[in-house]
Amino acid sequence: MADDIETRTKVTILTATYRIRAYIDLVPGARVTDYINDAKDFIALTEAEVREAEGRVVLNVPFLNLSRDHVVIVTPGH
């Protein structure tokens, strides 16, 4: 059953200012690298928690569009 396949993947994204922990929706078998490379101007994130470098939470939202131009590091997992 296709509905049983988990497509959400946890990621941690670093920008110059923030650390973002969220989920991206991947096609089963796809790589995070491919998802980021194929993204247009924005990366769609769900259940996003945005923290300053010092650790203070500045935003906790169910959906966030992140400008790809601001991404410095992306890693799977939290």
N, C-alpha and C. Protein backbone atom coordinates (compact mmCIF):
# COMPACT_ATOMS: atom_id res chain seq x y z
N MET A 1 0.83 -1.18 0.00
CA MET A 1 0.00 0.00 0.00
C MET A 1 0.88 1.24 0.00
N ALA A 2 0.66 2.11 -0.94
CA ALA A 2 1.48 3.32 -1.07
C ALA A 2 1.31 4.25 0.11
N ASP A 3 0.14 4.23 0.76
CA ASP A 3 -0.09 5.12 1.90
C ASP A 3 0.76 4.76 3.10
N ASP A 4 1.25 3.52 3.16
CA ASP A 4 2.05 3.07 4.30
C ASP A 4 3.52 3.45 4.16
N ILE A 5 3.94 3.91 3.01
CA ILE A 5 5.34 4.25 2.77
C ILE A 5 5.63 5.62 3.37
N GLU A 6 6.65 5.67 4.22
CA GLU A 6 7.03 6.94 4.86
C GLU A 6 7.82 7.76 3.85
N THR A 7 7.32 8.96 3.54
CA THR A 7 8.00 9.83 2.60
C THR A 7 8.66 11.01 3.30
N ARG A 8 8.34 11.20 4.59
CA ARG A 8 8.94 12.32 5.33
C ARG A 8 10.33 11.93 5.79
N THR A 9 11.26 12.84 5.58
CA THR A 9 12.63 12.63 6.02
C THR A 9 13.06 13.78 6.90
N LYS A 10 13.59 13.46 8.08
CA LYS A 10 14.09 14.50 8.99
C LYS A 10 15.36 15.10 8.41
N VAL A 11 15.48 16.41 8.51
CA VAL A 11 16.70 17.08 8.07
C VAL A 11 17.07 18.19 9.06
N THR A 12 18.33 18.48 9.11
CA THR A 12 18.83 19.66 9.81
C THR A 12 19.49 20.52 8.76
N ILE A 13 19.10 21.78 8.71
CA ILE A 13 19.63 22.72 7.72
C ILE A 13 20.27 23.88 8.46
N LEU A 14 21.48 24.21 8.07
CA LEU A 14 22.16 25.38 8.63
C LEU A 14 22.19 26.48 7.59
N THR A 15 21.84 27.68 8.04
CA THR A 15 22.02 28.87 7.22
C THR A 15 23.11 29.69 7.91
N ALA A 16 23.42 30.84 7.41
CA ALA A 16 24.44 31.68 8.05
C ALA A 16 24.00 32.10 9.45
N THR A 17 22.70 32.14 9.69
CA THR A 17 22.16 32.66 10.95
C THR A 17 21.42 31.63 11.79
N TYR A 18 20.81 30.65 11.15
CA TYR A 18 19.89 29.75 11.85
C TYR A 18 20.22 28.28 11.67
N ARG A 19 19.72 27.47 12.63
CA ARG A 19 19.71 26.01 12.51
C ARG A 19 18.24 25.62 12.45
N ILE A 20 17.87 24.91 11.40
CA ILE A 20 16.48 24.53 11.18
C ILE A 20 16.38 23.01 11.21
N ARG A 21 15.47 22.53 12.04
CA ARG A 21 15.16 21.11 12.08
C ARG A 21 13.74 20.97 11.55
N ALA A 22 13.58 20.10 10.56
CA ALA A 22 12.28 19.97 9.90
C ALA A 22 12.21 18.66 9.14
N TYR A 23 11.14 18.52 8.39
CA TYR A 23 10.96 17.36 7.51
C TYR A 23 10.83 17.85 6.07
N ILE A 24 11.33 17.02 5.14
CA ILE A 24 11.07 17.22 3.72
C ILE A 24 10.39 15.96 3.22
N ASP A 25 9.62 16.07 2.16
CA ASP A 25 8.95 14.91 1.57
C ASP A 25 9.79 14.40 0.41
N LEU A 26 10.30 13.19 0.58
CA LEU A 26 11.11 12.56 -0.46
C LEU A 26 10.33 11.42 -1.10
N VAL A 27 10.55 11.22 -2.37
CA VAL A 27 10.04 10.04 -3.05
C VAL A 27 10.84 8.87 -2.47
N PRO A 28 10.20 7.73 -2.18
CA PRO A 28 10.94 6.60 -1.64
C PRO A 28 12.16 6.26 -2.49
N GLY A 29 13.30 6.11 -1.83
CA GLY A 29 14.55 5.79 -2.52
C GLY A 29 15.33 7.01 -2.97
N ALA A 30 14.74 8.20 -2.88
CA ALA A 30 15.43 9.42 -3.29
C ALA A 30 16.43 9.84 -2.22
N ARG A 31 17.41 10.63 -2.62
CA ARG A 31 18.42 11.14 -1.69
C ARG A 31 18.14 12.60 -1.37
N VAL A 32 18.53 13.01 -0.17
CA VAL A 32 18.36 14.40 0.25
C VAL A 32 19.10 15.31 -0.73
N THR A 33 20.28 14.92 -1.14
CA THR A 33 21.08 15.72 -2.09
C THR A 33 20.30 15.98 -3.39
N ASP A 34 19.67 14.95 -3.91
CA ASP A 34 18.89 15.10 -5.14
C ASP A 34 17.72 16.06 -4.93
N TYR A 35 17.08 15.95 -3.78
CA TYR A 35 15.95 16.82 -3.47
C TYR A 35 16.39 18.28 -3.45
N ILE A 36 17.48 18.56 -2.78
CA ILE A 36 17.98 19.94 -2.68
C ILE A 36 18.41 20.45 -4.06
N ASN A 37 19.13 19.62 -4.80
CA ASN A 37 19.58 20.03 -6.14
C ASN A 37 18.43 20.28 -7.10
N ASP A 38 17.34 19.53 -6.95
CA ASP A 38 16.19 19.68 -7.84
C ASP A 38 15.23 20.79 -7.42
N ALA A 39 15.38 21.28 -6.19
CA ALA A 39 14.51 22.35 -5.70
C ALA A 39 14.70 23.60 -6.56
N LYS A 40 13.63 24.31 -6.77
CA LYS A 40 13.72 25.56 -7.52
C LYS A 40 14.28 26.64 -6.60
N ASP A 41 13.54 27.69 -6.34
CA ASP A 41 14.02 28.78 -5.48
C ASP A 41 13.83 28.51 -4.00
N PHE A 42 12.84 27.67 -3.66
CA PHE A 42 12.52 27.44 -2.26
C PHE A 42 12.45 25.96 -1.95
N ILE A 43 12.74 25.62 -0.69
CA ILE A 43 12.65 24.26 -0.20
C ILE A 43 11.46 24.21 0.76
N ALA A 44 10.52 23.32 0.51
CA ALA A 44 9.34 23.19 1.36
C ALA A 44 9.68 22.32 2.57
N LEU A 45 9.47 22.87 3.76
CA LEU A 45 9.75 22.17 5.01
C LEU A 45 8.47 22.08 5.82
N THR A 46 8.29 20.98 6.53
CA THR A 46 7.15 20.84 7.43
C THR A 46 7.65 20.60 8.85
N GLU A 47 6.79 20.93 9.81
CA GLU A 47 7.13 20.83 11.24
C GLU A 47 8.51 21.44 11.51
N ALA A 48 8.68 22.67 11.09
CA ALA A 48 9.97 23.35 11.15
C ALA A 48 10.19 24.06 12.48
N GLU A 49 11.37 23.82 13.04
CA GLU A 49 11.81 24.54 14.24
C GLU A 49 13.07 25.32 13.86
N VAL A 50 13.01 26.62 14.02
CA VAL A 50 14.12 27.49 13.65
C VAL A 50 14.76 28.03 14.93
N ARG A 51 16.08 27.85 15.04
CA ARG A 51 16.83 28.32 16.22
C ARG A 51 17.95 29.25 15.78
N GLU A 52 18.24 30.22 16.64
CA GLU A 52 19.41 31.06 16.43
C GLU A 52 20.64 30.23 16.77
N ALA A 53 21.82 30.72 16.40
CA ALA A 53 23.06 30.01 16.68
C ALA A 53 23.24 29.73 18.17
N GLU A 54 22.74 30.63 19.02
CA GLU A 54 22.86 30.46 20.47
C GLU A 54 21.87 29.43 21.01
N GLY A 55 20.94 28.96 20.18
CA GLY A 55 20.01 27.93 20.59
C GLY A 55 18.61 28.38 20.88
N ARG A 56 18.35 29.69 20.92
CA ARG A 56 17.01 30.20 21.21
C ARG A 56 16.06 29.92 20.04
N VAL A 57 14.91 29.32 20.34
CA VAL A 57 13.90 29.05 19.31
C VAL A 57 13.25 30.37 18.90
N VAL A 58 13.28 30.66 17.60
CA VAL A 58 12.66 31.88 17.10
C VAL A 58 11.39 31.61 16.31
N LEU A 59 11.20 30.36 15.89
CA LEU A 59 10.03 30.04 15.08
C LEU A 59 9.77 28.54 15.16
N ASN A 60 8.51 28.19 15.30
CA ASN A 60 8.09 26.79 15.31
C ASN A 60 6.78 26.74 14.53
N VAL A 61 6.83 26.26 13.28
CA VAL A 61 5.67 26.35 12.39
C VAL A 61 5.42 25.02 11.67
N PRO A 62 4.17 24.78 11.26
CA PRO A 62 3.87 23.54 10.54
C PRO A 62 4.40 23.53 9.10
N PHE A 63 4.62 24.72 8.51
CA PHE A 63 5.14 24.79 7.13
C PHE A 63 6.05 26.00 6.99
N LEU A 64 7.13 25.80 6.25
CA LEU A 64 8.08 26.89 6.00
C LEU A 64 8.68 26.70 4.62
N ASN A 65 8.70 27.76 3.84
CA ASN A 65 9.42 27.77 2.56
C ASN A 65 10.75 28.44 2.82
N LEU A 66 11.84 27.74 2.60
CA LEU A 66 13.18 28.26 2.84
C LEU A 66 13.85 28.57 1.51
N SER A 67 14.37 29.76 1.38
CA SER A 67 15.09 30.13 0.16
C SER A 67 16.34 29.26 0.03
N ARG A 68 16.45 28.58 -1.07
CA ARG A 68 17.59 27.70 -1.32
C ARG A 68 18.91 28.46 -1.27
N ASP A 69 18.90 29.74 -1.61
CA ASP A 69 20.11 30.55 -1.62
C ASP A 69 20.72 30.71 -0.24
N HIS A 70 19.93 30.50 0.83
CA HIS A 70 20.43 30.68 2.19
C HIS A 70 20.97 29.41 2.83
N VAL A 71 20.81 28.29 2.16
CA VAL A 71 21.26 27.00 2.71
C VAL A 71 22.77 26.90 2.63
N VAL A 72 23.38 26.60 3.78
CA VAL A 72 24.82 26.39 3.84
C VAL A 72 25.14 24.91 3.97
N ILE A 73 24.41 24.21 4.88
CA ILE A 73 24.62 22.78 5.13
C ILE A 73 23.28 22.11 5.29
N VAL A 74 23.14 20.90 4.72
CA VAL A 74 21.96 20.07 4.92
C VAL A 74 22.44 18.68 5.31
N THR A 75 21.82 18.13 6.35
CA THR A 75 22.16 16.78 6.76
C THR A 75 20.87 16.02 7.12
N PRO A 76 20.78 14.76 6.74
CA PRO A 76 19.62 13.98 7.14
C PRO A 76 19.63 13.78 8.66
N GLY A 77 18.46 13.69 9.23
CA GLY A 77 18.34 13.46 10.67
C GLY A 77 18.35 14.73 11.48
N HIS A 78 18.18 14.56 12.78
CA HIS A 78 18.15 15.71 13.70
C HIS A 78 19.29 15.61 14.65
